[in-house]
Amino acid sequence: MKKNVVHLFVFNGLSDWETGYAAAGINSAQLQKNPGKFQVLTVAIDKTPVSTMGGLCIQPDLAVEEVSPPDSSMLILPGGLAWDEGKYTELMDTARIFLDSGKPVAAICGATAALAKSGLLDNRRHTSNARDYLIATGYQGAHLYEDAPAVTGNRVITASGVAPVDFAYHIFKNLDLYAPSVLEAWYGLFKTGRPEFYNELMQAAN
């Protein structure tokens, strides 16, 4: 079975925790509606290995120039200080191409500021680390900012850097990765840690 690809952008200094739940859920067939339907492939500016903020070395699967929307189910952009330093602005062109092609883009933390600077949040519901954080970019979408851990608006998923579980929840929902009862139980478990959600998760999965 040919798997549907979710492309995850990787770069030096990316925030490890922000996409960990999402990548693990997508790559693990356990509990999925269609086990093994999706896989995550890492994408970088080129295929040179990168090091995360936590010091983990990642060998990219693809260079950005090898990625096209018809071959992808989603583009995920992790946070990291690089965005605030003005790096990787070329990825905004890729994000725009994805959106224009009807493919979703998911951005968390600093990557939301990059989207804002590029005008991609001017007409979409969204969130970020804080409203003022995005206002500082000079963008025109402050009226659509929502004070929430994660928001989906017109094919764009945005999230605060301290909301990786919510970020994953919106990604899973967009991909239709789990049955609704499984998704809600998963979210309850990882959001609260309460054991009753584990029982619900196991029951929903059977």
Protein backbone atom coordinates (compact mmCIF):
# COMPACT_ATOMS: atom_id res chain seq x y z
CA MET A 1 0.00 0.00 0.00
CA LYS A 2 1.34 3.38 -0.99
CA LYS A 3 1.39 5.66 2.03
CA ASN A 4 0.21 9.24 2.10
CA VAL A 5 3.07 11.52 3.04
CA VAL A 6 3.03 14.25 5.65
CA HIS A 7 6.06 16.50 5.17
CA LEU A 8 7.79 17.81 8.30
CA PHE A 9 10.26 20.64 7.84
CA VAL A 10 13.42 20.20 9.90
CA PHE A 11 16.21 22.67 10.56
CA ASN A 12 19.01 23.42 12.99
CA GLY A 13 17.57 24.38 16.36
CA LEU A 14 13.99 23.22 15.79
CA SER A 15 11.98 22.78 18.99
CA ASP A 16 11.86 19.02 19.50
CA TRP A 17 8.74 18.86 21.68
CA GLU A 18 6.46 20.87 19.43
CA THR A 19 5.87 18.22 16.77
CA GLY A 20 6.71 15.08 18.75
CA TYR A 21 3.13 14.03 19.46
CA ALA A 22 2.04 14.70 15.89
CA ALA A 23 4.90 12.82 14.22
CA ALA A 24 4.59 9.83 16.56
CA GLY A 25 0.84 9.57 16.06
CA ILE A 26 1.09 9.77 12.29
CA ASN A 27 3.88 7.21 12.02
CA SER A 28 2.38 4.74 14.50
CA ALA A 29 -0.35 2.54 13.05
CA GLN A 30 -1.74 1.83 16.52
CA LEU A 31 -5.35 2.98 16.99
CA GLN A 32 -5.57 4.56 13.52
CA LYS A 33 -8.72 4.28 11.40
CA ASN A 34 -6.64 3.07 8.47
CA PRO A 35 -3.45 1.72 10.04
CA GLY A 36 -0.33 2.70 8.18
CA LYS A 37 -2.08 5.04 5.75
CA PHE A 38 0.30 7.91 6.51
CA GLN A 39 4.01 8.38 7.01
CA VAL A 40 6.12 11.38 7.98
CA LEU A 41 9.01 12.37 5.74
CA THR A 42 11.43 15.04 6.90
CA VAL A 43 12.25 17.95 4.60
CA ALA A 44 15.09 20.45 4.88
CA ILE A 45 16.65 23.19 2.78
CA ASP A 46 19.03 20.49 1.58
CA LYS A 47 19.88 16.97 2.71
CA THR A 48 22.62 18.01 5.11
CA PRO A 49 21.94 16.57 8.61
CA VAL A 50 20.43 19.03 11.08
CA SER A 51 20.54 19.18 14.87
CA THR A 52 17.46 19.93 16.96
CA MET A 53 17.37 22.20 19.99
CA GLY A 54 17.67 19.06 22.09
CA GLY A 55 20.80 17.98 20.23
CA LEU A 56 19.24 15.17 18.20
CA CYS A 57 20.66 14.66 14.73
CA ILE A 58 18.18 14.27 11.88
CA GLN A 59 19.07 13.12 8.39
CA PRO A 60 16.46 14.77 6.13
CA ASP A 61 14.59 12.49 3.75
CA LEU A 62 14.10 15.20 1.15
CA ALA A 63 15.22 18.66 0.11
CA VAL A 64 12.52 21.33 -0.18
CA GLU A 65 12.91 21.45 -3.95
CA GLU A 66 11.80 17.79 -4.09
CA VAL A 67 8.47 18.46 -2.40
CA SER A 68 5.25 19.27 -4.26
CA PRO A 69 1.66 19.52 -3.00
CA PRO A 70 0.27 16.68 -5.17
CA ASP A 71 2.61 14.30 -3.34
CA SER A 72 1.72 15.55 0.13
CA SER A 73 -1.14 15.43 2.62
CA MET A 74 0.19 18.26 4.80
CA LEU A 75 3.21 20.45 5.50
CA ILE A 76 4.19 20.81 9.17
CA LEU A 77 6.42 23.67 10.33
CA PRO A 78 7.95 23.35 13.83
CA GLY A 79 9.00 26.32 15.90
CA GLY A 80 12.50 27.40 16.77
CA LEU A 81 14.53 30.58 17.17
CA ALA A 82 15.49 30.49 13.49
CA TRP A 83 12.14 31.95 12.47
CA ASP A 84 12.60 35.00 14.70
CA GLU A 85 16.08 35.39 13.24
CA GLY A 86 14.56 35.71 9.77
CA LYS A 87 15.83 32.37 8.48
CA TYR A 88 14.09 29.96 6.10
CA THR A 89 11.84 32.60 4.58
CA GLU A 90 11.82 30.53 1.39
CA LEU A 91 9.60 28.03 3.19
CA MET A 92 6.82 30.60 3.12
CA ASP A 93 6.77 30.31 -0.66
CA THR A 94 6.34 26.56 -0.22
CA ALA A 95 3.59 27.10 2.33
CA ARG A 96 1.77 29.45 -0.03
CA ILE A 97 2.01 26.93 -2.87
CA PHE A 98 0.57 24.24 -0.58
CA LEU A 99 -2.36 26.43 0.43
CA ASP A 100 -3.05 27.58 -3.11
CA SER A 101 -3.15 23.89 -4.08
CA GLY A 102 -5.68 23.12 -1.35
CA LYS A 103 -3.21 21.34 0.92
CA PRO A 104 -3.07 22.16 4.66
CA VAL A 105 -0.16 23.75 6.47
CA ALA A 106 0.39 23.34 10.23
CA ALA A 107 2.65 25.80 12.06
CA ILE A 108 3.53 26.12 15.72
CA CYS A 109 5.33 28.75 17.80
CA GLY A 110 7.88 30.75 15.79
CA ALA A 111 6.63 29.31 12.51
CA THR A 112 3.33 31.14 13.04
CA ALA A 113 5.22 34.44 13.05
CA ALA A 114 6.79 33.50 9.72
CA LEU A 115 3.32 32.84 8.30
CA ALA A 116 2.14 36.17 9.68
CA LYS A 117 5.04 38.09 8.12
CA SER A 118 4.19 36.49 4.79
CA GLY A 119 0.56 37.59 4.94
CA LEU A 120 -0.74 34.05 5.21
CA LEU A 121 -2.64 34.78 8.43
CA ASP A 122 -4.22 38.05 7.33
CA ASN A 123 -7.48 36.36 6.34
CA ARG A 124 -7.53 33.23 8.47
CA ARG A 125 -8.51 32.43 12.04
CA HIS A 126 -5.31 31.67 13.91
CA THR A 127 -3.37 31.71 17.13
CA SER A 128 0.27 31.83 18.27
CA ASN A 129 2.36 32.31 21.39
CA ALA A 130 0.61 35.64 22.06
CA ARG A 131 -1.31 38.27 20.12
CA ASP A 132 1.45 40.87 20.60
CA TYR A 133 4.02 38.39 19.29
CA LEU A 134 2.27 38.40 15.92
CA ILE A 135 1.39 42.10 15.98
CA ALA A 136 5.13 42.78 16.14
CA THR A 137 5.44 41.22 12.66
CA GLY A 138 3.34 44.03 11.19
CA TYR A 139 0.73 41.63 9.84
CA GLN A 140 -2.87 42.62 9.11
CA GLY A 141 -4.69 39.69 10.71
CA ALA A 142 -4.86 40.65 14.39
CA HIS A 143 -8.67 40.84 14.21
CA LEU A 144 -8.72 37.10 13.48
CA TYR A 145 -6.41 36.12 16.33
CA GLU A 146 -7.91 33.70 18.88
CA ASP A 147 -6.62 33.22 22.39
CA ALA A 148 -6.58 29.42 22.20
CA PRO A 149 -3.91 26.70 22.35
CA ALA A 150 -4.48 25.74 18.71
CA VAL A 151 -6.76 26.92 15.92
CA THR A 152 -7.67 25.65 12.46
CA GLY A 153 -8.67 28.28 9.92
CA ASN A 154 -9.04 27.75 6.19
CA ARG A 155 -6.50 24.93 5.84
CA VAL A 156 -4.00 26.48 8.26
CA ILE A 157 -3.38 25.00 11.72
CA THR A 158 -1.60 27.27 14.19
CA ALA A 159 -0.60 26.66 17.79
CA SER A 160 1.30 28.06 20.73
CA GLY A 161 4.69 26.55 21.44
CA VAL A 162 3.42 25.28 24.78
CA ALA A 163 0.51 23.40 23.18
CA PRO A 164 2.00 20.42 21.31
CA VAL A 165 -0.89 18.15 22.34
CA ASP A 166 -3.48 20.58 20.97
CA PHE A 167 -1.38 21.01 17.84
CA ALA A 168 -1.35 17.25 17.29
CA TYR A 169 -5.10 17.05 17.98
CA HIS A 170 -5.84 19.52 15.18
CA ILE A 171 -3.44 17.73 12.83
CA PHE A 172 -4.98 14.33 13.56
CA LYS A 173 -8.46 15.75 13.05
CA ASN A 174 -7.51 17.30 9.72
CA LEU A 175 -5.99 14.04 8.50
CA ASP A 176 -8.96 12.01 9.84
CA LEU A 177 -6.33 9.80 11.45
CA TYR A 178 -8.50 8.37 14.23
CA ALA A 179 -12.17 7.65 14.79
CA PRO A 180 -13.75 10.58 16.69
CA SER A 181 -14.11 8.61 19.94
CA VAL A 182 -10.45 7.53 19.78
CA LEU A 183 -9.28 11.06 19.04
CA GLU A 184 -11.21 12.58 21.94
CA ALA A 185 -9.99 9.91 24.36
CA TRP A 186 -6.40 10.38 23.15
CA TYR A 187 -6.68 14.13 23.64
CA GLY A 188 -8.18 13.75 27.11
CA LEU A 189 -5.41 11.37 28.18
CA PHE A 190 -2.45 13.39 26.95
CA LYS A 191 -3.97 16.73 27.92
CA THR A 192 -4.89 15.79 31.49
CA GLY A 193 -3.07 12.54 32.31
CA ARG A 194 -6.23 11.24 33.98
CA PRO A 195 -6.41 7.40 33.91
CA GLU A 196 -10.09 7.28 33.00
CA PHE A 197 -9.19 8.62 29.57
CA TYR A 198 -6.84 5.68 29.07
CA ASN A 199 -9.74 3.33 29.73
CA GLU A 200 -11.88 5.29 27.28
CA LEU A 201 -9.09 5.12 24.72
CA MET A 202 -8.79 1.37 25.00
CA GLN A 203 -12.56 0.91 24.79
CA ALA A 204 -12.86 3.23 21.81
CA ALA A 205 -10.08 1.39 19.98
CA ASN A 206 -11.80 -2.00 20.28
